[in-house]
Protein backbone atom coordinates (compact mmCIF):
# COMPACT_ATOMS: atom_id res chain seq x y z
CA MET A 1 0.00 0.00 0.00
CA SER A 2 1.63 3.29 -1.08
CA LYS A 3 2.07 6.30 1.18
CA SER A 4 -0.46 8.29 -0.86
CA ILE A 5 -3.07 5.56 -0.38
CA LYS A 6 -2.43 5.49 3.35
CA LYS A 7 -2.59 9.28 3.55
CA CYS A 8 -5.86 9.33 1.67
CA VAL A 9 -7.29 6.51 3.81
CA SER A 10 -6.36 8.47 6.91
CA VAL A 11 -8.06 11.58 5.51
CA VAL A 12 -11.21 9.57 4.77
CA ILE A 13 -11.23 8.04 8.25
CA MET A 14 -10.61 11.39 9.96
CA THR A 15 -13.35 12.99 7.86
CA ALA A 16 -15.77 10.24 8.87
CA LEU A 17 -14.86 10.74 12.51
CA LEU A 18 -15.34 14.51 12.25
CA LEU A 19 -18.72 14.05 10.59
CA GLN A 20 -19.68 11.59 13.28
CA THR A 21 -18.59 14.07 15.96
CA ALA A 22 -20.68 16.75 14.31
CA LEU A 23 -23.70 14.47 14.38
CA TRP A 24 -23.12 13.74 18.06
CA SER A 25 -22.91 17.46 18.86
CA THR A 26 -26.24 18.17 17.19
CA SER A 27 -28.14 15.13 18.40
CA GLY A 28 -29.05 16.67 21.76
CA GLU A 29 -27.34 16.58 25.13
CA VAL A 30 -30.36 15.02 26.82
CA ALA A 31 -30.25 11.91 24.63
CA LEU A 32 -26.54 11.45 25.21
CA ALA A 33 -26.82 11.88 28.95
CA ALA A 34 -29.29 9.00 29.10
CA LYS A 35 -26.78 6.54 27.68
CA LYS A 36 -24.37 4.53 29.79
CA PRO A 37 -20.69 5.41 29.56
CA GLY A 38 -18.49 3.08 27.55
CA LEU A 39 -15.16 2.86 25.77
CA ARG A 40 -14.91 4.13 22.23
CA LYS A 41 -12.33 1.44 21.49
CA LYS A 42 -11.86 -1.98 23.07
CA LYS A 43 -8.53 -2.78 21.43
CA VAL A 44 -5.57 -0.59 20.46
CA THR A 45 -2.05 -1.27 19.27
CA ILE A 46 0.83 1.09 20.07
CA GLU A 47 4.59 1.00 19.83
CA VAL A 48 6.99 0.92 22.75
CA GLY A 49 7.29 4.47 24.09
CA LYS A 50 4.11 5.67 22.34
CA THR A 51 0.95 6.76 24.13
CA TYR A 52 -2.81 6.56 23.72
CA THR A 53 -5.46 8.33 25.78
CA VAL A 54 -8.43 6.17 26.73
CA ALA A 55 -11.56 7.62 25.12
CA ILE A 56 -14.82 7.30 27.04
CA LYS A 57 -18.14 7.97 25.38
CA ASN A 58 -21.17 9.34 27.24
CA LYS A 59 -19.18 10.66 30.19
CA GLN A 60 -21.37 11.81 33.05
CA LYS A 61 -20.94 15.15 34.78
CA LYS A 62 -19.22 15.12 38.18
CA ALA A 63 -18.12 11.53 37.62
CA LYS A 64 -14.52 10.50 38.19
CA TYR A 65 -12.76 7.78 36.28
CA ALA A 66 -10.08 5.37 37.46
CA TYR A 67 -7.71 3.33 35.29
CA LYS A 68 -5.81 0.18 36.21
CA SER A 69 -3.31 -1.83 34.16
CA SER A 70 -3.19 -5.62 34.41
CA ASN A 71 0.57 -5.52 33.75
CA LYS A 72 2.40 -2.27 34.50
CA LYS A 73 5.64 -3.71 33.15
CA VAL A 74 4.06 -3.82 29.67
CA VAL A 75 1.49 -1.01 29.72
CA ALA A 76 1.45 1.92 32.13
CA VAL A 77 -1.56 4.20 32.59
CA SER A 78 -1.84 7.58 34.29
CA LYS A 79 -4.64 8.90 36.50
CA ALA A 80 -5.88 10.81 33.46
CA GLY A 81 -6.15 7.66 31.36
CA LYS A 82 -3.02 8.17 29.29
CA VAL A 83 -1.65 4.76 28.28
CA LYS A 84 2.03 4.22 27.48
CA GLY A 85 3.72 1.20 25.94
CA VAL A 86 6.59 0.06 28.17
CA LYS A 87 7.73 -3.11 26.42
CA LYS A 88 6.44 -5.56 23.82
CA GLY A 89 3.46 -7.59 24.99
CA SER A 90 -0.16 -6.99 25.89
CA ALA A 91 -2.16 -5.90 28.92
CA LYS A 92 -5.69 -4.86 29.79
CA ILE A 93 -6.75 -1.47 31.14
CA THR A 94 -9.82 -1.66 33.37
CA VAL A 95 -11.79 1.58 33.53
CA GLN A 96 -14.18 2.37 36.39
CA GLN A 97 -16.56 5.25 36.99
CA LYS A 98 -17.14 6.73 40.46
CA LEU A 99 -20.30 8.77 40.86
CA LYS A 100 -22.28 9.54 44.04
CA LYS A 101 -20.39 6.95 46.11
CA LYS A 102 -21.19 4.30 43.50
CA THR A 103 -18.46 2.56 41.49
CA THR A 104 -19.33 0.93 38.16
CA LYS A 105 -17.22 -0.73 35.49
CA VAL A 106 -17.03 1.22 32.23
CA GLY A 107 -15.11 -1.36 30.22
CA VAL A 108 -11.79 -3.04 29.49
CA LEU A 109 -9.31 -1.82 26.88
CA LYS A 110 -6.89 -4.39 25.48
CA VAL A 111 -3.56 -2.78 24.63
CA THR A 112 -1.03 -4.55 22.41
CA VAL A 113 2.48 -3.09 22.49
CA ARG A 114 4.74 -3.65 19.52
CA ALA A 115 8.44 -3.01 19.08
CA LYS A 116 9.55 0.30 17.63
CA LYS A 117 9.63 0.49 13.85
CA SER A 118 13.43 0.43 13.78
CA GLU A 119 13.42 -2.73 15.91
CA GLN A 120 10.72 -4.31 13.75
CA GLU A 121 12.68 -3.71 10.58
CA ALA A 122 15.85 -5.09 12.17
CA SER A 123 14.06 -8.30 13.17
CA VAL A 124 12.60 -9.07 9.75
CA ALA A 125 13.82 -12.28 8.12
CA PRO A 126 15.95 -11.78 5.00
CA THR A 127 13.21 -13.15 2.73
CA SER A 128 10.79 -10.42 3.82
CA THR A 129 13.21 -7.49 3.49
CA ALA A 130 14.27 -7.82 -0.10
CA SER A 131 15.65 -4.78 -1.87
CA THR A 132 12.90 -2.42 -2.91
CA SER A 133 14.14 -2.65 -6.47
CA ASN A 134 12.98 -6.28 -6.46
CA VAL A 135 9.57 -5.66 -4.91
CA PRO A 136 6.89 -5.92 -7.63
CA THR A 137 3.86 -3.71 -7.69
CA ALA A 138 0.50 -5.37 -7.18
CA THR A 139 -2.42 -5.46 -9.53
CA ALA A 140 -5.31 -3.05 -9.15
CA PRO A 141 -8.04 -3.72 -6.57
CA ALA A 142 -11.58 -4.02 -7.80
CA THR A 143 -13.19 -1.81 -5.15
CA LYS A 144 -13.26 1.96 -4.80
CA ALA A 145 -9.91 2.32 -3.10
CA PRO A 146 -8.33 5.78 -2.93
CA THR A 147 -6.17 6.79 -5.86
CA THR A 148 -2.40 6.81 -5.72
CA THR A 149 -2.30 10.17 -7.48
CA ALA A 150 -4.29 13.17 -6.25
CA PRO A 151 -6.53 12.48 -3.23
CA ALA A 152 -9.34 14.51 -4.78
CA THR A 153 -9.92 12.11 -7.67
CA LYS A 154 -12.16 9.05 -7.60
CA ALA A 155 -10.17 6.80 -9.87
CA PRO A 156 -9.50 3.26 -8.63
CA ALA A 157 -6.18 2.55 -7.00
CA THR A 158 -3.31 1.42 -9.15
CA THR A 159 -1.82 -0.71 -6.40
CA ALA A 160 -3.29 -3.27 -4.07
CA PRO A 161 -2.90 -3.27 -0.29
CA ALA A 162 0.22 -5.15 0.72
CA THR A 163 0.41 -8.54 2.38
CA VAL A 164 2.93 -8.88 5.18
CA LYS A 165 3.95 -10.25 8.45
CA PRO A 166 2.37 -7.37 10.44
CA SER A 167 5.41 -6.53 12.55
CA ALA A 168 7.53 -6.38 9.42
CA THR A 169 7.56 -4.05 6.47
CA VAL A 170 4.97 -4.58 3.80
CA VAL A 171 5.71 -6.96 0.94
CA PRO A 172 3.06 -6.66 -1.78
CA THR A 173 1.40 -9.82 -3.03
CA THR A 174 1.07 -10.23 -6.81
CA LYS A 175 -0.39 -12.57 -9.31
CA PRO A 176 2.33 -15.27 -9.36
CA SER A 177 2.40 -15.76 -13.12
CA ALA A 178 2.29 -12.09 -14.03
CA THR A 179 5.29 -10.11 -15.25
CA VAL A 180 5.14 -6.84 -13.37
CA ALA A 181 7.20 -3.69 -13.27
CA PRO A 182 9.35 -3.10 -10.20
CA THR A 183 8.82 -0.11 -7.93
CA THR A 184 11.44 1.99 -6.20
CA GLU A 185 9.03 3.21 -3.54
CA PRO A 186 10.27 2.00 -0.13
CA PRO A 187 8.04 -0.43 1.78
CA ALA A 188 5.54 1.13 4.16
CA THR A 189 4.16 -0.04 7.49
CA TYR A 190 0.51 -0.47 8.40
CA GLU A 191 -1.51 2.60 9.37
CA PRO A 192 -2.76 2.48 12.99
CA GLU A 193 -6.42 2.31 11.93
CA TYR A 194 -5.78 -0.66 9.66
CA LEU A 195 -3.63 -2.39 12.28
CA GLU A 196 -6.43 -1.94 14.81
CA MET A 197 -8.85 -3.64 12.40
CA LEU A 198 -6.49 -6.59 12.04
CA ALA A 199 -6.17 -6.82 15.81
CA ASP A 200 -9.96 -6.99 16.10
CA SER A 201 -10.00 -10.04 13.84
CA TYR A 202 -7.74 -12.09 16.12
CA MET A 203 -10.04 -13.84 18.60
CA ASP A 204 -7.73 -14.20 21.58
CA ASP A 205 -9.92 -12.61 24.26
CA GLY A 206 -10.60 -15.94 25.92
CA ALA A 207 -6.86 -16.51 26.46
CA ASN A 208 -7.45 -20.14 25.49
CA VAL A 209 -5.30 -20.24 22.35
CA ASN A 210 -2.52 -22.80 22.54
CA ASN A 211 0.32 -21.56 20.34
CA VAL A 212 2.69 -24.52 20.43
CA ARG A 213 1.70 -26.05 17.10
CA LEU A 214 1.67 -22.88 15.03
CA LYS A 215 4.95 -21.69 16.53
CA ASN A 216 6.46 -25.09 15.65
CA MET A 217 5.37 -24.73 12.03
CA ILE A 218 6.68 -21.17 11.83
CA GLU A 219 10.01 -22.42 13.16
CA LYS A 220 10.04 -25.21 10.56
CA ALA A 221 9.53 -22.66 7.80
CA LYS A 222 12.32 -20.43 9.14
CA ASN A 223 14.67 -23.42 9.30
CA GLY A 224 13.95 -24.34 5.70
CA ASP A 225 12.04 -27.51 6.54
CA ALA A 226 9.05 -28.52 4.43
CA VAL A 227 5.76 -26.93 5.50
CA ASN A 228 2.46 -27.95 3.90
CA VAL A 229 -0.30 -25.31 3.96
CA ALA A 230 -3.89 -26.28 3.13
CA CYS A 231 -7.03 -24.16 2.98
CA LEU A 232 -10.34 -26.03 2.94
CA GLY A 233 -13.57 -24.14 2.38
CA GLY A 234 -16.21 -22.92 -0.03
CA SER A 235 -16.25 -20.36 -2.81
CA ILE A 236 -14.52 -17.67 -0.74
CA THR A 237 -11.53 -19.96 -0.25
CA GLN A 238 -11.72 -21.01 -3.89
CA GLY A 239 -11.35 -17.34 -4.84
CA PHE A 240 -14.75 -16.69 -6.39
CA ASN A 241 -14.93 -13.05 -7.51
CA ALA A 242 -11.18 -12.50 -7.00
CA GLN A 243 -9.66 -11.12 -10.19
CA PRO A 244 -7.69 -13.24 -10.96
CA ARG A 245 -8.42 -16.13 -8.63
CA SER A 246 -4.78 -16.24 -7.62
CA ARG A 247 -5.66 -13.20 -5.51
CA SER A 248 -7.86 -15.27 -3.20
CA TYR A 249 -7.00 -14.95 0.48
CA ALA A 250 -5.66 -18.54 0.44
CA ASN A 251 -3.11 -17.86 -2.28
CA GLN A 252 -2.12 -14.48 -0.88
CA PHE A 253 -1.72 -15.88 2.64
CA TYR A 254 0.59 -18.51 1.21
CA GLU A 255 2.69 -15.87 -0.57
CA GLY A 256 2.77 -13.65 2.53
CA PHE A 257 3.69 -16.53 4.82
CA LYS A 258 6.55 -17.51 2.53
CA LYS A 259 7.92 -13.98 2.37
CA ALA A 260 7.73 -13.50 6.11
CA TYR A 261 9.01 -16.84 7.37
CA ALA A 262 10.36 -19.21 4.70
CA LYS A 263 13.93 -19.59 3.48
CA ASP A 264 15.40 -19.41 -0.01
CA GLY A 265 12.36 -17.95 -1.72
CA GLY A 266 9.90 -20.22 0.04
CA GLU A 267 10.52 -23.40 -1.94
CA ASN A 268 10.08 -25.34 1.28
CA VAL A 269 6.46 -24.16 1.68
CA LYS A 270 3.69 -25.80 -0.36
CA LEU A 271 0.02 -24.80 -0.75
CA VAL A 272 -3.15 -26.66 -1.61
CA ASN A 273 -6.22 -24.48 -2.07
CA ALA A 274 -9.06 -26.97 -1.58
CA GLY A 275 -11.94 -24.54 -1.84
CA ILE A 276 -15.02 -25.61 -3.81
CA ASN A 277 -17.93 -23.24 -4.29
CA GLY A 278 -21.28 -24.12 -2.77
CA THR A 279 -20.08 -26.86 -0.43
CA ALA A 280 -20.37 -27.36 3.32
CA SER A 281 -17.91 -28.76 5.85
CA SER A 282 -19.37 -32.27 5.75
CA LEU A 283 -18.55 -32.52 2.04
CA GLY A 284 -15.21 -30.89 2.75
CA TRP A 285 -14.44 -33.66 5.24
CA ILE A 286 -15.58 -36.32 2.76
CA ARG A 287 -13.10 -35.07 0.15
CA TYR A 288 -10.29 -34.16 2.60
CA GLN A 289 -8.11 -37.18 1.78
CA ARG A 290 -8.43 -36.67 -1.97
CA ASP A 291 -8.22 -32.87 -2.12
CA VAL A 292 -5.78 -32.15 0.71
CA VAL A 293 -3.60 -35.12 1.65
CA ASP A 294 -3.27 -36.67 -1.79
CA LYS A 295 -2.54 -33.33 -3.47
CA LEU A 296 -0.01 -32.30 -0.84
CA GLY A 297 1.59 -35.69 -0.89
CA GLY A 298 1.29 -35.79 2.89
CA ASN A 299 -0.51 -34.30 5.87
CA PRO A 300 -1.00 -30.55 6.21
CA ASP A 301 1.17 -28.66 8.69
CA ILE A 302 -1.01 -25.55 8.71
CA PHE A 303 -4.68 -26.26 8.08
CA ILE A 304 -7.13 -23.35 7.62
CA ILE A 305 -10.85 -24.24 7.78
CA GLU A 306 -13.35 -21.79 6.26
CA PHE A 307 -16.97 -22.93 6.42
CA ALA A 308 -18.52 -20.28 8.70
CA VAL A 309 -20.95 -19.10 6.03
CA ASN A 310 -21.44 -22.23 3.91
CA ASP A 311 -22.60 -24.43 6.75
CA GLY A 312 -25.89 -22.57 7.09
CA VAL A 313 -27.99 -22.13 10.20
CA ASN A 314 -29.06 -25.73 10.78
CA ALA A 315 -30.07 -28.89 8.96
CA SER A 316 -33.33 -27.34 7.80
CA ASP A 317 -31.36 -24.83 5.74
CA SER A 318 -31.25 -26.27 2.23
CA ASN A 319 -27.73 -24.95 1.69
CA GLY A 320 -26.24 -25.96 5.01
CA ASP A 321 -24.41 -28.69 6.85
CA TYR A 322 -26.78 -31.58 7.59
CA THR A 323 -24.55 -32.95 10.34
CA ASN A 324 -25.06 -29.76 12.37
CA GLY A 325 -21.34 -29.28 13.04
CA ALA A 326 -20.55 -32.92 13.81
CA ALA A 327 -18.46 -33.38 10.66
CA TYR A 328 -16.71 -30.06 11.32
CA GLU A 329 -15.67 -31.12 14.82
CA SER A 330 -14.73 -34.61 13.63
CA MET A 331 -12.45 -33.03 11.03
CA VAL A 332 -10.80 -30.83 13.67
CA ARG A 333 -10.24 -33.79 15.99
CA ASP A 334 -8.84 -36.06 13.28
CA VAL A 335 -6.46 -33.47 11.83
CA MET A 336 -5.22 -32.52 15.29
CA SER A 337 -4.57 -36.20 16.01
CA LEU A 338 -2.18 -36.62 13.06
CA PRO A 339 1.40 -37.60 13.98
CA ASN A 340 2.90 -34.36 12.60
CA LYS A 341 0.63 -32.33 14.93
CA PRO A 342 -0.71 -29.76 12.46
CA ALA A 343 -1.70 -26.24 13.46
CA VAL A 344 -5.42 -25.77 12.78
CA ILE A 345 -6.76 -22.24 12.25
CA LEU A 346 -10.49 -21.51 12.16
CA LEU A 347 -11.40 -18.70 9.74
CA PHE A 348 -14.83 -17.09 10.06
CA SER A 349 -15.92 -15.35 6.86
CA VAL A 350 -19.06 -13.20 6.81
CA PHE A 351 -21.83 -12.11 4.46
CA GLN A 352 -22.90 -8.51 3.97
CA SER A 353 -26.06 -9.42 5.89
CA GLU A 354 -23.69 -10.01 8.87
CA PHE A 355 -24.50 -13.74 8.87
CA ASN A 356 -21.91 -16.29 9.86
CA LEU A 357 -21.57 -19.20 12.26
CA GLN A 358 -18.70 -17.98 14.39
CA ASP A 359 -20.82 -18.25 17.54
CA ARG A 360 -21.31 -21.96 16.76
CA TYR A 361 -17.74 -22.70 15.78
CA LYS A 362 -15.97 -20.43 18.28
CA ALA A 363 -16.96 -23.04 20.86
CA ILE A 364 -14.91 -25.57 18.88
CA GLY A 365 -11.92 -23.24 18.82
CA ASP A 366 -12.19 -22.63 22.54
CA LYS A 367 -12.49 -26.31 23.35
CA TYR A 368 -9.41 -27.29 21.35
CA GLY A 369 -7.32 -24.16 21.97
CA LEU A 370 -7.26 -23.15 18.29
CA PRO A 371 -6.29 -19.79 16.79
CA MET A 372 -9.39 -18.14 15.32
CA VAL A 373 -9.76 -15.24 12.89
CA SER A 374 -13.07 -13.39 12.57
CA ILE A 375 -13.57 -11.31 9.44
CA LYS A 376 -16.91 -10.31 10.92
CA ASP A 377 -15.29 -8.70 13.95
CA ALA A 378 -12.86 -6.81 11.74
CA VAL A 379 -15.14 -5.55 8.98
CA ILE A 380 -18.74 -5.23 10.20
CA PRO A 381 -18.11 -2.70 13.02
CA ARG A 382 -16.28 -0.42 10.58
CA ILE A 383 -19.07 -0.63 8.04
CA LYS A 384 -21.50 0.27 10.81
CA ASP A 385 -19.49 3.27 12.00
CA GLY A 386 -18.99 4.53 8.46
CA SER A 387 -15.21 4.20 8.26
CA MET A 388 -15.75 1.51 5.60
CA THR A 389 -18.51 0.85 3.10
CA ASN A 390 -19.93 -2.48 2.00
CA ALA A 391 -18.27 -1.94 -1.38
CA ASP A 392 -14.87 -1.70 0.31
CA PHE A 393 -15.11 -5.40 1.16
CA PHE A 394 -18.09 -7.10 -0.49
CA ALA A 395 -18.81 -7.69 -4.16
CA ALA A 396 -22.18 -6.74 -5.60
CA ASP A 397 -23.67 -10.11 -4.58
CA GLY A 398 -23.12 -9.28 -0.91
CA LEU A 399 -21.59 -12.72 -0.35
CA HIS A 400 -18.04 -12.73 -1.68
CA PRO A 401 -15.10 -10.42 -1.01
CA THR A 402 -13.67 -8.15 -3.66
CA ASN A 403 -9.94 -8.15 -4.33
CA ASP A 404 -9.54 -5.67 -1.47
CA GLY A 405 -11.73 -7.91 0.68
CA HIS A 406 -9.47 -10.88 0.01
CA GLN A 407 -6.51 -8.65 0.88
CA ILE A 408 -8.07 -7.81 4.24
CA MET A 409 -8.71 -11.51 4.91
CA THR A 410 -5.09 -12.24 4.03
CA ASP A 411 -3.75 -9.59 6.37
CA CYS A 412 -6.05 -10.74 9.19
CA LEU A 413 -4.63 -14.26 8.91
CA LEU A 414 -1.05 -12.99 8.77
CA TYR A 415 -1.70 -10.81 11.81
CA CYS A 416 -2.83 -13.90 13.72
CA VAL A 417 0.29 -15.82 12.68
CA ASP A 418 2.53 -12.89 13.56
CA ALA A 419 0.91 -12.43 16.98
CA ILE A 420 1.58 -16.07 17.77
CA ASP A 421 5.11 -15.85 16.37
CA GLN A 422 5.86 -12.98 18.77
CA ALA A 423 4.20 -14.55 21.80
CA THR A 424 5.98 -16.64 24.39
CA LYS A 425 5.64 -20.32 23.56
CA ASP A 426 3.20 -22.22 25.75
CA ALA A 427 4.72 -24.77 28.11
CA GLU A 428 3.11 -27.76 26.41
CA ASP A 429 0.93 -28.72 23.47
CA VAL A 430 -2.84 -28.80 23.72
CA THR A 431 -4.39 -32.06 24.89
CA ILE A 432 -7.24 -33.26 22.69
CA PRO A 433 -10.16 -33.78 25.09
CA ASP A 434 -11.95 -37.09 25.32
CA THR A 435 -15.34 -35.37 25.14
CA THR A 436 -16.74 -33.44 22.19
CA HIS A 437 -18.61 -30.16 22.00
CA PHE A 438 -21.41 -31.45 19.77
CA ASP A 439 -23.27 -34.60 20.78
CA GLU A 440 -22.08 -36.34 17.60
CA GLY A 441 -18.88 -34.28 17.31
CA GLY A 442 -16.56 -37.26 17.00
CA ASP A 443 -18.84 -39.62 15.09
CA TYR A 444 -17.25 -38.94 11.71
CA GLN A 445 -13.63 -39.41 12.70
CA ASN A 446 -11.53 -41.84 10.63
CA LEU A 447 -13.85 -41.37 7.68
CA VAL A 448 -13.48 -43.75 4.72
CA THR A 449 -14.50 -42.31 1.33
CA ILE A 450 -15.38 -44.31 -1.79
CA TYR A 451 -15.53 -42.83 -5.29
CA SER A 452 -16.70 -44.40 -8.52
CA GLY A 453 -13.79 -46.34 -9.98
CA SER A 454 -11.81 -46.46 -6.74
CA GLU A 455 -10.73 -49.70 -5.13
CA LEU A 456 -13.36 -50.92 -2.68
CA PRO A 457 -12.29 -51.54 0.93
CA GLU A 458 -12.48 -55.11 2.17
CA GLY A 459 -16.06 -56.19 2.93
CA VAL A 460 -17.68 -53.41 0.87
CA THR A 461 -19.77 -54.18 -2.22
CA VAL A 462 -21.33 -51.74 -4.68
CA ASP A 463 -23.93 -52.40 -7.36
CA ALA A 464 -24.48 -49.22 -9.38
CA GLY A 465 -27.77 -50.49 -10.83
CA GLY A 466 -29.38 -47.72 -12.87
CA PHE A 467 -26.76 -45.23 -11.64
CA ASN A 468 -24.42 -46.46 -14.33
CA VAL A 469 -23.51 -43.35 -16.30
CA ALA A 470 -21.07 -40.53 -15.50
CA ASP A 471 -22.30 -36.95 -15.17
CA ASN A 472 -19.69 -34.62 -16.67
CA THR A 473 -21.14 -31.29 -15.53
CA ASN A 474 -19.01 -30.96 -12.37
CA SER A 475 -15.25 -30.89 -12.85
CA PHE A 476 -14.68 -31.27 -9.09
CA PHE A 477 -16.18 -34.78 -9.20
CA PRO A 478 -15.39 -36.09 -12.67
CA THR A 479 -15.95 -39.72 -11.66
CA ASN A 480 -19.36 -40.48 -10.22
CA TRP A 481 -22.35 -42.80 -10.28
CA SER A 482 -25.18 -41.00 -12.01
CA HIS A 483 -28.71 -41.92 -13.01
CA GLY A 484 -29.59 -40.88 -16.56
CA GLU A 485 -32.73 -40.38 -18.61
CA ALA A 486 -32.78 -43.98 -19.86
CA SER A 487 -31.11 -45.68 -16.89
CA GLY A 488 -34.19 -47.55 -15.70
CA ASP A 489 -35.37 -48.07 -12.12
CA ALA A 490 -32.66 -50.38 -10.71
CA PRO A 491 -31.36 -48.90 -7.40
CA PHE A 492 -27.82 -48.07 -6.39
CA VAL A 493 -26.89 -50.56 -3.65
CA ILE A 494 -23.95 -50.50 -1.23
CA THR A 495 -23.27 -52.93 1.60
CA ALA A 496 -20.73 -52.12 4.32
CA THR A 497 -20.04 -52.74 7.98
CA CYS A 498 -20.12 -49.28 9.51
CA LYS A 499 -21.55 -47.03 12.21
CA ASN A 500 -22.78 -44.31 9.86
CA MET A 501 -22.83 -43.24 6.25
CA LEU A 502 -22.66 -39.92 4.40
CA LEU A 503 -23.89 -39.42 0.85
CA ALA A 504 -22.26 -36.82 -1.41
CA PHE A 505 -24.43 -35.91 -4.37
CA ASN A 506 -25.58 -33.23 -6.78
CA GLY A 507 -28.58 -31.49 -5.28
CA GLY A 508 -29.04 -28.84 -7.95
CA SER A 509 -32.30 -27.90 -9.60
CA ASN A 510 -31.53 -30.14 -12.59
CA SER A 511 -31.31 -33.23 -10.43
CA GLY A 512 -34.16 -35.52 -9.55
CA SER A 513 -35.25 -36.74 -6.15
CA VAL A 514 -34.36 -40.04 -4.50
CA ASP A 515 -35.63 -42.28 -1.72
CA VAL A 516 -33.01 -43.94 0.49
CA TYR A 517 -33.65 -47.30 2.15
CA VAL A 518 -31.45 -48.64 4.96
CA ASP A 519 -31.82 -52.38 5.54
CA GLY A 520 -35.13 -52.34 3.67
CA GLU A 521 -36.66 -49.42 5.60
CA LEU A 522 -37.24 -45.96 4.10
CA ALA A 523 -34.71 -43.71 5.89
CA LYS A 524 -34.43 -40.55 3.80
CA GLN A 525 -36.24 -38.73 1.04
CA ILE A 526 -33.78 -36.41 -0.67
CA ARG A 527 -35.34 -33.68 -2.71
CA THR A 528 -33.69 -30.83 -4.62
CA VAL A 529 -31.67 -28.91 -2.05
CA GLY A 530 -30.16 -26.07 -4.02
CA TRP A 531 -26.40 -26.34 -4.55
CA SER A 532 -25.18 -28.01 -7.71
CA ALA A 533 -21.47 -28.10 -6.84
CA GLY A 534 -22.14 -30.75 -4.26
CA SER A 535 -24.23 -31.50 -1.19
CA SER A 536 -23.83 -34.10 1.52
CA MET A 537 -26.24 -35.74 3.91
CA PRO A 538 -26.03 -38.36 6.68
CA LEU A 539 -28.10 -41.44 5.85
CA PHE A 540 -27.87 -42.99 9.33
CA ASN A 541 -25.69 -42.78 12.44
CA GLU A 542 -25.41 -45.45 15.13
CA ASP A 543 -23.22 -46.16 18.14
CA THR A 544 -21.78 -49.47 16.94
CA ALA A 545 -20.68 -50.80 13.57
CA GLU A 546 -22.96 -53.36 11.94
CA SER A 547 -23.48 -54.63 8.41
CA HIS A 548 -25.91 -52.36 6.54
CA THR A 549 -27.35 -52.40 3.05
CA VAL A 550 -28.28 -49.02 1.59
CA GLU A 551 -30.44 -48.67 -1.52
CA ILE A 552 -30.88 -45.38 -3.38
CA ARG A 553 -33.89 -45.29 -5.72
CA MET A 554 -35.19 -42.54 -7.96
CA ALA A 555 -38.37 -41.14 -6.41
CA GLU A 556 -41.75 -41.14 -8.09
CA GLY A 557 -41.75 -38.52 -10.84
CA SER A 558 -37.96 -38.53 -11.16
CA GLU A 559 -37.55 -41.82 -13.02
CA THR A 560 -36.08 -40.11 -16.11
CA LYS A 561 -34.04 -37.45 -14.32
CA LYS A 562 -30.39 -37.45 -13.41
CA PHE A 563 -29.01 -37.85 -9.91
CA PRO A 564 -25.20 -37.93 -9.62
CA ILE A 565 -23.71 -39.67 -6.58
CA TYR A 566 -20.27 -38.14 -6.02
CA ALA A 567 -19.06 -40.26 -3.13
CA ILE A 568 -20.06 -42.52 -0.25
CA ALA A 569 -18.30 -42.10 3.10
CA TYR A 570 -18.57 -44.03 6.36
CA THR A 571 -16.85 -44.78 9.65
CA LYS A 572 -16.10 -48.31 10.78
């Protein structure tokens, strides 16, 4: 991000704040006096030696305010509420109001203290401090970013925001295959307002994040050891609406991580972007072995899960996760149990409507001590207060990020990684609990997935019946068992000894409906459910493994329609 962009962004933010102040001053003193006092900011980041004055909104006349630091060795605070960074770290400032012999809590301000800029630059790894003559310029963002020429114009920016290890200098991220002109402009550091937004995205308030695994993987990258990065999610991970798709957050995070931590140009770091549009976490878990492990050639070392919007509200949502989070938690537990002890990061995307499932999945992160990044917490408050617009992050569909939105997601992830890199390493690794958060949260661990044409596990038989043609409309599942117009009424039959079974299928509007029988009894009636890229549904789930025969028949009225079965998955 160039200096002119940052200057213009600061002007826009200050203008918004001045306008907001003007509105407050004309809205009436009586209305303001009726509101409870509170903190204007709940998180700030300052450098060592720098200061910040705690801002309290709706102060009451004759009231006195007291300030207390949780760690004076890191953050000091005066009687007037002036905070000063003493050394690198973080502390909380508790603010109390005293009025008419009554003491009430106003709020808690989290203060993160970073090293001075000169110290930050000195600590940057060689790969992230390349000569400015070798730093390529980025491609243009799609949203209405400020211009790099005169602040008064409304032309789109000619450079994209930069992706970096936050404590380091900015290293722009570019389309990997593009040939771009170098720039001689020196790297810039994050503006305070932007850095504060990134800090808001890092969900560490519960102090339950165990940093051992991610710090281990960062150390591996710095040492030149192989590090496998995988991002599993829906269309946002895939890069839908990013222009080009190489500017998705997943790809840019990979490039930023390499520049900040890897050795020798980052050849030791490998990425698999396993995002597929219109898919939920249960289907993500079904295809995990094929799309993550097989493509990486091994287990992931850093595993980012992004299904906070695709999983829907509950099983009644036609575009959601029909396991109600059970597959999501099973995936977390299984990946954490791998011998290489991967670092799992939960990423919570958000829609313009403010919908996401971070309240549901934050409980998973808390239970397993996982780093979590909330795009909702970073973006939505700023859209509400006017310092950002919807168009600054969301595309016209209100669902997917623009190029600038993907850049923000990238920087939020890198901020999380950097915060953990700078933190003191925890004494020991997290212990995977015996209990689960969801009632069925571990039921889909050790999942076995079968595709058309793959070798069948011992004891499993498949008779495709009338599902004997291949549907070629979905490149993500090129091999499949599909019913066709002239396939007849013979059912698809699978027999396996298992505790449960998941069906991956095409539930788009062009597909027909099916009836599912388990051991001769009608168990499910699957009707059109909306997404054509792939849906998944549990057919049954039991406590013990027994031999089951599952028949899938075209429903009445759908005898001549297609119904592609993408995969069958089960646990033994």
